[in-house]
Amino acid sequence: MINRRRPTHPGEVLRKDVIKPLGLTVTDAAKCLGVTRKTLSALINCKASMSPEMAVRIAKATKTSPESWLYMQAKIDLWFAQQKPIEVEEFGKVVAA
């Protein structure tokens, strides 16, 4: 079954649930994370994926787990992959032939 609703990008969660409520600028947040403003901007504007390193940085800054940030990215990556029509044969059919 294909999930019809697109999962929320982790960058959007970071922007809406962390950066905005704390009143941080992108520059301030980037400085706290030890990344460039450009890098953080791409992430929070959903133009870049959450990397494992960024997940660790954000987890440390927010006292959350890096796995939770990577899980959000995995969900959206999988959703996009499922939107494409992919033709495959089942392994059992190949062996039986």
Protein backbone atom coordinates (compact mmCIF):
# COMPACT_ATOMS: atom_id res chain seq x y z
CA MET A 1 0.00 0.00 0.00
CA ILE A 2 1.38 3.39 -1.00
CA ASN A 3 1.09 6.21 1.51
CA ARG A 4 -0.69 9.03 -0.33
CA ARG A 5 0.36 11.83 2.04
CA ARG A 6 3.87 13.18 1.60
CA PRO A 7 5.81 12.98 4.89
CA THR A 8 7.13 16.19 6.36
CA HIS A 9 10.72 17.03 5.44
CA PRO A 10 13.01 17.11 8.53
CA GLY A 11 14.20 20.58 7.52
CA GLU A 12 10.65 21.86 7.73
CA VAL A 13 10.29 20.34 11.19
CA LEU A 14 13.53 21.99 12.27
CA ARG A 15 12.40 25.36 10.90
CA LYS A 16 8.83 25.32 12.25
CA ASP A 17 9.29 23.46 15.54
CA VAL A 18 12.75 24.57 16.66
CA ILE A 19 14.23 27.60 14.94
CA LYS A 20 11.10 29.78 14.72
CA PRO A 21 9.77 29.13 18.24
CA LEU A 22 13.19 29.91 19.71
CA GLY A 23 13.36 33.13 17.72
CA LEU A 24 16.65 32.15 16.11
CA THR A 25 17.85 33.52 12.81
CA VAL A 26 19.20 31.09 10.26
CA THR A 27 22.63 32.62 10.81
CA ASP A 28 22.45 32.09 14.59
CA ALA A 29 21.17 28.54 14.23
CA ALA A 30 23.89 27.72 11.70
CA LYS A 31 26.53 29.11 14.03
CA CYS A 32 25.22 26.94 16.90
CA LEU A 33 25.32 23.86 14.66
CA GLY A 34 28.76 24.65 13.28
CA VAL A 35 27.60 24.74 9.66
CA THR A 36 27.33 27.47 7.06
CA ARG A 37 24.21 29.54 6.70
CA LYS A 38 23.90 28.26 3.13
CA THR A 39 23.95 24.63 4.28
CA LEU A 40 21.30 25.18 6.94
CA SER A 41 19.16 27.30 4.62
CA ALA A 42 19.10 24.54 2.00
CA LEU A 43 17.98 22.04 4.65
CA ILE A 44 15.24 24.14 6.25
CA ASN A 45 13.91 25.14 2.84
CA CYS A 46 13.70 21.46 1.88
CA LYS A 47 16.30 21.82 -0.88
CA ALA A 48 18.75 19.38 0.76
CA SER A 49 18.42 16.06 2.56
CA MET A 50 19.25 15.46 6.19
CA SER A 51 22.71 13.89 6.36
CA PRO A 52 23.80 11.63 9.22
CA GLU A 53 26.31 14.29 10.33
CA MET A 54 23.66 17.01 10.34
CA ALA A 55 21.31 14.70 12.24
CA VAL A 56 23.98 14.29 14.94
CA ARG A 57 24.54 18.05 15.12
CA ILE A 58 20.82 18.82 15.39
CA ALA A 59 20.26 16.04 17.90
CA LYS A 60 22.98 17.44 20.16
CA ALA A 61 21.62 20.99 19.84
CA THR A 62 18.02 19.93 20.53
CA LYS A 63 18.67 17.09 23.00
CA THR A 64 16.90 14.63 20.70
CA SER A 65 18.14 11.53 18.91
CA PRO A 66 19.89 11.57 15.53
CA GLU A 67 17.82 8.52 14.62
CA SER A 68 14.60 10.54 14.86
CA TRP A 69 15.93 13.10 12.35
CA LEU A 70 17.23 10.40 9.98
CA TYR A 71 13.96 8.49 10.26
CA MET A 72 12.09 11.56 9.01
CA GLN A 73 14.47 11.73 6.04
CA ALA A 74 14.12 8.01 5.35
CA LYS A 75 10.33 8.32 5.36
CA ILE A 76 10.31 11.11 2.79
CA ASP A 77 12.96 9.39 0.63
CA LEU A 78 10.93 6.19 0.63
CA TRP A 79 7.72 8.07 -0.15
CA PHE A 80 9.34 9.69 -3.21
CA ALA A 81 10.71 6.31 -4.35
CA GLN A 82 7.24 4.77 -4.07
CA GLN A 83 5.74 7.46 -6.29
CA LYS A 84 7.74 6.21 -9.28
CA PRO A 85 6.44 3.26 -11.27
CA ILE A 86 9.04 0.51 -10.92
CA GLU A 87 8.74 -2.80 -12.75
CA VAL A 88 10.41 -5.81 -11.13
CA GLU A 89 10.04 -9.57 -11.23
CA GLU A 90 9.56 -11.56 -8.07
CA PHE A 91 12.58 -13.71 -7.15
CA GLY A 92 10.48 -16.86 -6.94
CA LYS A 93 9.43 -16.53 -10.59
CA VAL A 94 13.05 -16.32 -11.74
CA VAL A 95 14.07 -19.44 -9.78
CA ALA A 96 11.07 -21.45 -11.04
CA ALA A 97 11.80 -20.71 -14.70
